[in-house]
Amino acid sequence: MKHVVKILSLLVAVSAFWIALLQAAIIPRSHTWLLPIYFVVSLGCYGLLMVGIGLMQFPTCPREAVLLQHDITEAKDFLSANGVDVRSD
């Protein structure tokens, strides 16, 4: 939920800045109309950066991996006992 609030507040700030630039005519209108495109591209880059950082910091859990393998073996044994073919050909 914090990320949604952060993104929405950033959207409001950029929108206010854009409207202020349109009203004040500090930069030419041809450049001002491109700001939403720049914002969308920047937001996409930010999203990719956050996904990349999340993947780099993804924790490895060897104990949980062993438990998961045990659960998989248990489930295969249970399904085989009930007549379900679980071979991985």
C-alpha atoms as a PDB file:
ATOM      1  CA  MET A   1       0.000   0.000   0.000  1.00  0.00           C
ATOM      2  CA  LYS A   2       2.917   2.339   0.666  1.00  0.00           C
ATOM      3  CA  HIS A   3       4.070   2.066  -2.948  1.00  0.00           C
ATOM      4  CA  VAL A   4       0.605   3.018  -4.219  1.00  0.00           C
ATOM      5  CA  VAL A   5       0.578   6.125  -2.046  1.00  0.00           C
ATOM      6  CA  LYS A   6       4.114   6.992  -3.150  1.00  0.00           C
ATOM      7  CA  ILE A   7       3.238   6.627  -6.836  1.00  0.00           C
ATOM      8  CA  LEU A   8      -0.005   8.565  -6.497  1.00  0.00           C
ATOM      9  CA  SER A   9       1.704  11.405  -4.648  1.00  0.00           C
ATOM     10  CA  LEU A  10       4.375  11.492  -7.341  1.00  0.00           C
ATOM     11  CA  LEU A  11       1.650  11.588  -9.989  1.00  0.00           C
ATOM     12  CA  VAL A  12      -0.064  14.515  -8.247  1.00  0.00           C
ATOM     13  CA  ALA A  13       3.223  16.390  -7.874  1.00  0.00           C
ATOM     14  CA  VAL A  14       4.154  15.904 -11.525  1.00  0.00           C
ATOM     15  CA  SER A  15       0.654  16.887 -12.638  1.00  0.00           C
ATOM     16  CA  ALA A  16       0.797  20.055 -10.550  1.00  0.00           C
ATOM     17  CA  PHE A  17       4.221  20.875 -11.973  1.00  0.00           C
ATOM     18  CA  TRP A  18       2.967  20.259 -15.504  1.00  0.00           C
ATOM     19  CA  ILE A  19      -0.098  22.480 -15.032  1.00  0.00           C
ATOM     20  CA  ALA A  20       2.094  25.196 -13.521  1.00  0.00           C
ATOM     21  CA  LEU A  21       4.391  25.056 -16.551  1.00  0.00           C
ATOM     22  CA  LEU A  22       1.403  25.287 -18.877  1.00  0.00           C
ATOM     23  CA  GLN A  23      -0.002  28.288 -17.006  1.00  0.00           C
ATOM     24  CA  ALA A  24       3.274  30.169 -16.615  1.00  0.00           C
ATOM     25  CA  ALA A  25       4.490  29.485 -20.168  1.00  0.00           C
ATOM     26  CA  ILE A  26       8.080  29.220 -18.897  1.00  0.00           C
ATOM     27  CA  ILE A  27       8.963  26.619 -21.505  1.00  0.00           C
ATOM     28  CA  PRO A  28       7.479  26.435 -24.991  1.00  0.00           C
ATOM     29  CA  ARG A  29       4.165  24.602 -25.315  1.00  0.00           C
ATOM     30  CA  SER A  30       5.694  22.087 -27.728  1.00  0.00           C
ATOM     31  CA  HIS A  31       8.025  20.870 -24.982  1.00  0.00           C
ATOM     32  CA  THR A  32       5.423  21.079 -22.230  1.00  0.00           C
ATOM     33  CA  TRP A  33       3.057  18.665 -23.971  1.00  0.00           C
ATOM     34  CA  LEU A  34       5.785  16.014 -23.993  1.00  0.00           C
ATOM     35  CA  LEU A  35       6.083  15.966 -20.189  1.00  0.00           C
ATOM     36  CA  PRO A  36       3.355  13.293 -19.678  1.00  0.00           C
ATOM     37  CA  ILE A  37       5.208  11.023 -22.108  1.00  0.00           C
ATOM     38  CA  TYR A  38       8.438  11.575 -20.205  1.00  0.00           C
ATOM     39  CA  PHE A  39       6.601  10.851 -16.967  1.00  0.00           C
ATOM     40  CA  VAL A  40       5.193   7.554 -18.246  1.00  0.00           C
ATOM     41  CA  VAL A  41       8.608   6.482 -19.536  1.00  0.00           C
ATOM     42  CA  SER A  42      10.210   7.471 -16.224  1.00  0.00           C
ATOM     43  CA  LEU A  43       7.567   5.550 -14.284  1.00  0.00           C
ATOM     44  CA  GLY A  44       8.258   2.464 -16.416  1.00  0.00           C
ATOM     45  CA  CYS A  45      11.996   2.784 -15.785  1.00  0.00           C
ATOM     46  CA  TYR A  46      11.315   3.153 -12.062  1.00  0.00           C
ATOM     47  CA  GLY A  47       9.162   0.008 -12.123  1.00  0.00           C
ATOM     48  CA  LEU A  48      11.855  -1.972 -13.916  1.00  0.00           C
ATOM     49  CA  LEU A  49      14.439  -0.720 -11.451  1.00  0.00           C
ATOM     50  CA  MET A  50      12.301  -1.818  -8.490  1.00  0.00           C
ATOM     51  CA  VAL A  51      11.778  -5.274 -10.026  1.00  0.00           C
ATOM     52  CA  GLY A  52      15.528  -5.587 -10.661  1.00  0.00           C
ATOM     53  CA  ILE A  53      16.393  -4.556  -7.121  1.00  0.00           C
ATOM     54  CA  GLY A  54      13.792  -6.974  -5.766  1.00  0.00           C
ATOM     55  CA  LEU A  55      15.288  -9.810  -7.785  1.00  0.00           C
ATOM     56  CA  MET A  56      18.820  -8.982  -6.665  1.00  0.00           C
ATOM     57  CA  GLN A  57      17.777  -8.962  -3.005  1.00  0.00           C
ATOM     58  CA  PHE A  58      15.606 -12.088  -3.242  1.00  0.00           C
ATOM     59  CA  PRO A  59      16.475 -14.268  -0.259  1.00  0.00           C
ATOM     60  CA  THR A  60      17.578 -17.841  -0.705  1.00  0.00           C
ATOM     61  CA  CYS A  61      16.110 -20.225   1.795  1.00  0.00           C
ATOM     62  CA  PRO A  62      17.868 -23.614   1.723  1.00  0.00           C
ATOM     63  CA  ARG A  63      15.883 -24.987   4.670  1.00  0.00           C
ATOM     64  CA  GLU A  64      12.573 -24.132   2.999  1.00  0.00           C
ATOM     65  CA  ALA A  65      13.804 -25.684  -0.260  1.00  0.00           C
ATOM     66  CA  VAL A  66      14.450 -28.974   1.541  1.00  0.00           C
ATOM     67  CA  LEU A  67      11.004 -28.809   3.168  1.00  0.00           C
ATOM     68  CA  LEU A  68       9.402 -28.114  -0.206  1.00  0.00           C
ATOM     69  CA  GLN A  69      11.165 -31.106  -1.781  1.00  0.00           C
ATOM     70  CA  HIS A  70       9.939 -33.237   1.122  1.00  0.00           C
ATOM     71  CA  ASP A  71       6.365 -32.001   0.562  1.00  0.00           C
ATOM     72  CA  ILE A  72       6.628 -32.747  -3.162  1.00  0.00           C
ATOM     73  CA  THR A  73       7.822 -36.279  -2.467  1.00  0.00           C
ATOM     74  CA  GLU A  74       5.017 -36.760   0.049  1.00  0.00           C
ATOM     75  CA  ALA A  75       2.417 -35.519  -2.444  1.00  0.00           C
ATOM     76  CA  LYS A  76       3.767 -37.794  -5.198  1.00  0.00           C
ATOM     77  CA  ASP A  77       3.603 -40.801  -2.859  1.00  0.00           C
ATOM     78  CA  PHE A  78       0.041 -39.910  -1.851  1.00  0.00           C
ATOM     79  CA  LEU A  79      -1.096 -39.457  -5.458  1.00  0.00           C
ATOM     80  CA  SER A  80       0.635 -42.679  -6.564  1.00  0.00           C
ATOM     81  CA  ALA A  81      -1.115 -44.556  -3.759  1.00  0.00           C
ATOM     82  CA  ASN A  82      -4.454 -43.219  -5.037  1.00  0.00           C
ATOM     83  CA  GLY A  83      -3.792 -44.304  -8.629  1.00  0.00           C
ATOM     84  CA  VAL A  84      -2.650 -41.006 -10.161  1.00  0.00           C
ATOM     85  CA  ASP A  85       0.275 -41.188 -12.599  1.00  0.00           C
ATOM     86  CA  VAL A  86       2.860 -38.622 -11.442  1.00  0.00           C
ATOM     87  CA  ARG A  87       5.852 -39.737 -13.495  1.00  0.00           C
ATOM     88  CA  SER A  88       7.864 -36.972 -15.119  1.00  0.00           C
ATOM     89  CA  ASP A  89       8.690 -38.472 -18.518  1.00  0.00           C
END
